[in-house]
Amino acid sequence: MTFEHILFDIDDGVAFLRLNRPEQLNSFNAQMHAEVKEALKQVRANAQVRVLLLTGEGRGFCAGQDLSDRNVAPGAQMPDLGESIEKFYNPLIRALRDLPLPVICAVNGVAAGAGANIPLACDLVLAARSASFIQAFCKLGLVPDSGGTWFLPRLVGVARAKALALLGNKLSAEQAEQWGLIYRCVDDEALRDEALGLARQLATQPTSGLALIKRGLNASLDNSLDQQLDLERDLQRLAGRSEDYREGVAAFMAKRAPVFKGC
């Protein structure tokens, strides 16, 4: 597939995926959904990829859905938005969540609608100081999608989640960090370097183990303590059979830096 609406490359274990419809604030249309899906498919299939970094080109991260694709003229048949979510947004959120490697999101500028919730499916979210998160759905008579009603209460609590979803007010990157919605807020000019530095650091780590950590933490949100203890046992069993664990122990005993391969 030839990419028109995203930029995608892989370098030294880092897959770099950039939403690239800057004139439309990187809002999604069907073609961009298809291209992101293909890029994520390539990430999963490439054993050399250790980390995924997702960001946007231009002055915004993502304004959600391109409403020109959803314009409802007077008298026209109403669209089935549930079909769009089932076909595009739900698979995207599941793909990011289930990807067996760390996913970093660097939010540059506005993140609105689905664009505010897609980062929440990632593992580490950095945001430029000028960035903002807007649950814009209520302004259109819609419901937060792309996992918004699931992620928000778990990250910021029910009271704040309801305020964000019902009022649709802009949440600054600094406030998002203070509330625990994102990992870090950084100066605008430092965002891409900070994100790339973090990605390159993670790419040198035992990423097979990091994938298991991600799996365990994600499952903990719905598991009981007993279920989680059993899952930790099972994941540790898998981790203990990896070559990275063997290398980590050998390097520790030899007092040298480990060389992990992600397997």
Protein backbone atom coordinates (compact mmCIF):
# COMPACT_ATOMS: atom_id res chain seq x y z
CA MET A 1 0.00 0.00 0.00
CA THR A 2 1.18 3.51 -0.84
CA PHE A 3 0.73 5.82 2.11
CA GLU A 4 -0.84 9.22 1.39
CA HIS A 5 -2.13 10.30 4.80
CA ILE A 6 0.54 8.93 7.13
CA LEU A 7 4.32 8.88 7.24
CA PHE A 8 5.79 5.56 8.32
CA ASP A 9 9.36 4.38 8.70
CA ILE A 10 11.40 1.98 10.82
CA ASP A 11 14.86 2.83 12.11
CA ASP A 12 17.01 1.01 14.64
CA GLY A 13 14.12 -0.89 16.19
CA VAL A 14 11.74 2.10 16.36
CA ALA A 15 8.67 2.27 14.13
CA PHE A 16 7.72 5.93 13.63
CA LEU A 17 4.09 6.50 12.58
CA ARG A 18 3.00 10.08 11.89
CA LEU A 19 -0.54 11.11 11.04
CA ASN A 20 -0.14 13.36 8.03
CA ARG A 21 -3.24 15.35 7.12
CA PRO A 22 -2.04 18.60 8.73
CA GLU A 23 -4.48 20.86 6.89
CA GLN A 24 -7.31 18.83 8.43
CA LEU A 25 -5.59 18.64 11.85
CA ASN A 26 -4.92 14.97 11.08
CA SER A 27 -8.60 14.07 11.32
CA PHE A 28 -9.40 10.55 10.22
CA ASN A 29 -11.05 9.56 6.98
CA ALA A 30 -11.47 6.02 5.68
CA GLN A 31 -8.19 6.10 3.76
CA MET A 32 -6.14 7.19 6.76
CA HIS A 33 -7.75 4.44 8.85
CA ALA A 34 -6.72 1.90 6.21
CA GLU A 35 -3.15 3.21 6.12
CA VAL A 36 -2.75 3.17 9.91
CA LYS A 37 -4.15 -0.35 9.98
CA GLU A 38 -1.59 -1.47 7.40
CA ALA A 39 1.27 0.22 9.27
CA LEU A 40 0.30 -1.50 12.52
CA LYS A 41 0.10 -4.80 10.66
CA GLN A 42 3.67 -4.26 9.43
CA VAL A 43 4.83 -3.38 12.96
CA ARG A 44 3.38 -6.59 14.35
CA ALA A 45 4.89 -8.70 11.55
CA ASN A 46 8.40 -7.22 11.76
CA ALA A 47 10.51 -8.88 14.46
CA GLN A 48 13.03 -6.03 14.23
CA VAL A 49 10.53 -3.51 15.59
CA ARG A 50 10.92 -3.06 19.34
CA VAL A 51 8.92 0.17 19.95
CA LEU A 52 6.18 2.13 18.18
CA LEU A 53 6.13 5.95 18.31
CA LEU A 54 2.88 7.62 17.23
CA THR A 55 2.54 11.37 16.64
CA GLY A 56 1.03 13.89 14.25
CA GLU A 57 2.42 16.28 11.67
CA GLY A 58 1.66 19.99 11.76
CA ARG A 59 0.02 22.01 14.52
CA GLY A 60 -2.28 19.31 15.88
CA PHE A 61 -2.12 15.68 16.88
CA CYS A 62 -5.59 14.62 15.72
CA ALA A 63 -9.00 16.29 15.60
CA GLY A 64 -10.81 12.94 15.55
CA GLN A 65 -13.19 12.13 12.75
CA ASP A 66 -13.18 14.21 9.57
CA LEU A 67 -16.74 15.52 9.75
CA SER A 68 -16.83 16.20 6.02
CA ASP A 69 -17.17 12.41 5.75
CA ARG A 70 -20.13 12.51 8.16
CA ASN A 71 -21.98 15.64 7.04
CA VAL A 72 -25.75 15.18 7.35
CA ALA A 73 -27.60 17.46 4.94
CA PRO A 74 -31.23 18.34 5.68
CA GLY A 75 -33.44 15.46 4.59
CA ALA A 76 -30.50 13.12 3.97
CA GLN A 77 -30.40 9.62 5.45
CA MET A 78 -28.72 9.57 8.85
CA PRO A 79 -25.38 7.73 8.99
CA ASP A 80 -24.76 4.63 11.06
CA LEU A 81 -21.97 5.89 13.30
CA GLY A 82 -21.89 2.59 15.14
CA GLU A 83 -20.80 0.89 11.93
CA SER A 84 -17.93 3.38 11.57
CA ILE A 85 -16.81 2.70 15.13
CA GLU A 86 -17.03 -1.05 14.68
CA LYS A 87 -15.14 -0.96 11.39
CA PHE A 88 -12.45 1.62 12.15
CA TYR A 89 -12.04 3.00 15.67
CA ASN A 90 -12.57 -0.10 17.78
CA PRO A 91 -10.02 -2.15 15.78
CA LEU A 92 -7.52 0.72 16.06
CA ILE A 93 -7.85 0.94 19.84
CA ARG A 94 -7.59 -2.83 20.21
CA ALA A 95 -4.56 -2.96 17.93
CA LEU A 96 -2.68 -0.33 19.93
CA ARG A 97 -3.67 -1.88 23.23
CA ASP A 98 -2.73 -5.42 22.21
CA LEU A 99 0.50 -4.64 20.35
CA PRO A 100 3.18 -6.79 22.07
CA LEU A 101 5.68 -3.94 22.43
CA PRO A 102 5.75 -0.50 24.03
CA VAL A 103 3.69 2.19 22.28
CA ILE A 104 4.65 5.82 22.85
CA CYS A 105 2.36 8.66 21.80
CA ALA A 106 3.67 12.21 21.41
CA VAL A 107 0.73 14.62 21.38
CA ASN A 108 1.57 17.79 19.49
CA GLY A 109 -1.18 20.38 19.67
CA VAL A 110 -4.91 19.72 19.84
CA ALA A 111 -6.21 16.21 20.49
CA ALA A 112 -10.00 16.26 20.14
CA GLY A 113 -12.77 13.70 19.93
CA ALA A 114 -11.37 10.31 19.03
CA GLY A 115 -8.00 12.06 18.76
CA ALA A 116 -8.12 12.70 22.52
CA ASN A 117 -8.77 9.04 23.30
CA ILE A 118 -6.42 7.28 20.88
CA PRO A 119 -3.39 8.37 22.97
CA LEU A 120 -5.00 6.79 26.04
CA ALA A 121 -4.72 3.37 24.35
CA CYS A 122 -0.95 3.85 24.19
CA ASP A 123 1.49 2.94 26.95
CA LEU A 124 3.42 6.18 27.48
CA VAL A 125 1.95 9.53 26.48
CA LEU A 126 4.05 12.68 26.21
CA ALA A 127 2.37 15.98 25.33
CA ALA A 128 3.71 19.34 24.24
CA ARG A 129 3.00 22.11 26.73
CA SER A 130 0.73 23.80 24.17
CA ALA A 131 -1.24 20.59 23.58
CA SER A 132 -4.79 20.11 24.81
CA PHE A 133 -7.30 17.29 25.15
CA ILE A 134 -10.95 17.92 24.30
CA GLN A 135 -13.80 15.43 24.64
CA ALA A 136 -15.69 17.24 21.89
CA PHE A 137 -18.42 14.61 21.45
CA CYS A 138 -20.98 16.35 23.69
CA LYS A 139 -20.84 19.44 21.46
CA LEU A 140 -22.27 17.31 18.63
CA GLY A 141 -24.75 15.28 20.66
CA LEU A 142 -22.48 12.24 20.58
CA VAL A 143 -20.89 9.84 23.08
CA PRO A 144 -17.12 9.57 23.72
CA ASP A 145 -15.83 6.65 21.68
CA SER A 146 -12.43 5.09 20.95
CA GLY A 147 -12.41 3.84 24.53
CA GLY A 148 -13.11 7.23 26.08
CA THR A 149 -15.82 6.04 28.47
CA TRP A 150 -13.52 3.21 29.61
CA PHE A 151 -10.16 5.00 29.85
CA LEU A 152 -11.25 8.29 31.40
CA PRO A 153 -12.82 7.03 34.67
CA ARG A 154 -9.89 4.68 35.23
CA LEU A 155 -7.28 7.37 34.66
CA VAL A 156 -8.80 10.49 36.25
CA GLY A 157 -11.73 9.19 38.34
CA VAL A 158 -15.46 9.23 37.67
CA ALA A 159 -16.08 12.85 38.76
CA ARG A 160 -13.44 14.30 36.43
CA ALA A 161 -14.35 11.89 33.64
CA LYS A 162 -17.97 13.07 33.75
CA ALA A 163 -16.88 16.70 33.74
CA LEU A 164 -14.64 16.17 30.72
CA ALA A 165 -17.29 14.20 28.82
CA LEU A 166 -20.36 16.28 29.70
CA LEU A 167 -18.82 19.75 29.43
CA GLY A 168 -16.33 19.18 26.62
CA ASN A 169 -13.93 21.72 28.10
CA LYS A 170 -10.32 21.96 26.96
CA LEU A 171 -7.86 20.17 29.25
CA SER A 172 -4.33 21.53 29.03
CA ALA A 173 -1.36 19.20 28.80
CA GLU A 174 -0.11 20.43 32.18
CA GLN A 175 -3.47 19.67 33.81
CA ALA A 176 -3.60 16.30 32.02
CA GLU A 177 -0.26 15.40 33.60
CA GLN A 178 -1.39 16.56 37.04
CA TRP A 179 -4.58 14.51 36.76
CA GLY A 180 -2.71 11.39 35.66
CA LEU A 181 -4.21 11.31 32.18
CA ILE A 182 -0.76 11.33 30.55
CA TYR A 183 2.79 10.47 31.57
CA ARG A 184 4.59 13.79 30.95
CA CYS A 185 4.14 17.32 29.67
CA VAL A 186 7.24 18.74 27.96
CA ASP A 187 8.19 21.96 26.22
CA ASP A 188 6.96 22.11 22.64
CA GLU A 189 10.39 22.27 21.06
CA ALA A 190 11.55 19.26 23.07
CA LEU A 191 8.60 16.96 22.37
CA ARG A 192 9.89 15.01 19.40
CA ASP A 193 13.42 14.62 20.76
CA GLU A 194 12.08 13.51 24.15
CA ALA A 195 9.76 10.99 22.53
CA LEU A 196 12.43 9.65 20.19
CA GLY A 197 14.93 9.42 23.04
CA LEU A 198 12.44 7.44 25.12
CA ALA A 199 11.67 5.17 22.16
CA ARG A 200 15.34 4.50 21.45
CA GLN A 201 15.97 3.78 25.12
CA LEU A 202 13.12 1.26 25.25
CA ALA A 203 14.32 -0.35 22.01
CA THR A 204 17.51 -1.44 23.82
CA GLN A 205 15.59 -3.07 26.66
CA PRO A 206 14.20 -6.63 26.99
CA THR A 207 11.09 -5.80 24.99
CA SER A 208 9.65 -9.31 25.21
CA GLY A 209 9.50 -8.76 28.96
CA LEU A 210 8.10 -5.26 28.50
CA ALA A 211 5.30 -6.73 26.39
CA LEU A 212 4.44 -9.08 29.26
CA ILE A 213 4.46 -6.16 31.72
CA LYS A 214 2.05 -4.32 29.42
CA ARG A 215 -0.17 -7.40 29.23
CA GLY A 216 -0.23 -7.78 33.00
CA LEU A 217 -0.98 -4.14 33.75
CA ASN A 218 -3.75 -3.99 31.15
CA ALA A 219 -5.39 -7.11 32.57
CA SER A 220 -5.19 -5.81 36.15
CA LEU A 221 -7.88 -3.23 35.48
CA ASP A 222 -10.52 -5.95 35.32
CA ASN A 223 -8.99 -8.81 37.35
CA SER A 224 -9.51 -9.64 40.98
CA LEU A 225 -6.37 -9.92 43.14
CA ASP A 226 -6.47 -13.71 42.92
CA GLN A 227 -6.81 -13.60 39.14
CA GLN A 228 -3.95 -11.14 38.91
CA LEU A 229 -1.68 -13.22 41.12
CA ASP A 230 -2.31 -16.21 38.86
CA LEU A 231 -1.63 -14.10 35.78
CA GLU A 232 1.64 -12.82 37.27
CA ARG A 233 2.69 -16.42 37.81
CA ASP A 234 1.90 -17.32 34.21
CA LEU A 235 3.60 -14.24 32.75
CA GLN A 236 6.68 -14.74 34.91
CA ARG A 237 6.90 -18.31 33.67
CA LEU A 238 6.97 -17.01 30.10
CA ALA A 239 9.48 -14.29 30.94
CA GLY A 240 11.80 -16.76 32.64
CA ARG A 241 12.04 -18.81 29.46
CA SER A 242 13.18 -15.88 27.31
CA GLU A 243 16.65 -15.32 25.94
CA ASP A 244 16.53 -11.78 27.30
CA TYR A 245 16.20 -13.13 30.84
CA ARG A 246 19.17 -15.42 30.25
CA GLU A 247 21.17 -12.45 28.92
CA GLY A 248 20.09 -10.20 31.77
CA VAL A 249 21.27 -12.64 34.42
CA ALA A 250 24.53 -13.34 32.57
CA ALA A 251 25.26 -9.63 32.23
CA PHE A 252 24.48 -9.02 35.91
CA MET A 253 26.78 -11.82 37.03
CA ALA A 254 29.57 -10.64 34.69
CA LYS A 255 29.07 -6.99 35.70
CA ARG A 256 28.66 -5.88 32.08
CA ALA A 257 25.98 -4.10 30.11
CA PRO A 258 23.34 -6.50 28.75
CA VAL A 259 22.59 -6.80 25.03
CA PHE A 260 18.91 -7.59 24.72
CA LYS A 261 17.31 -8.88 21.53
CA GLY A 262 13.64 -8.76 22.43
CA CYS A 263 13.13 -12.51 22.47
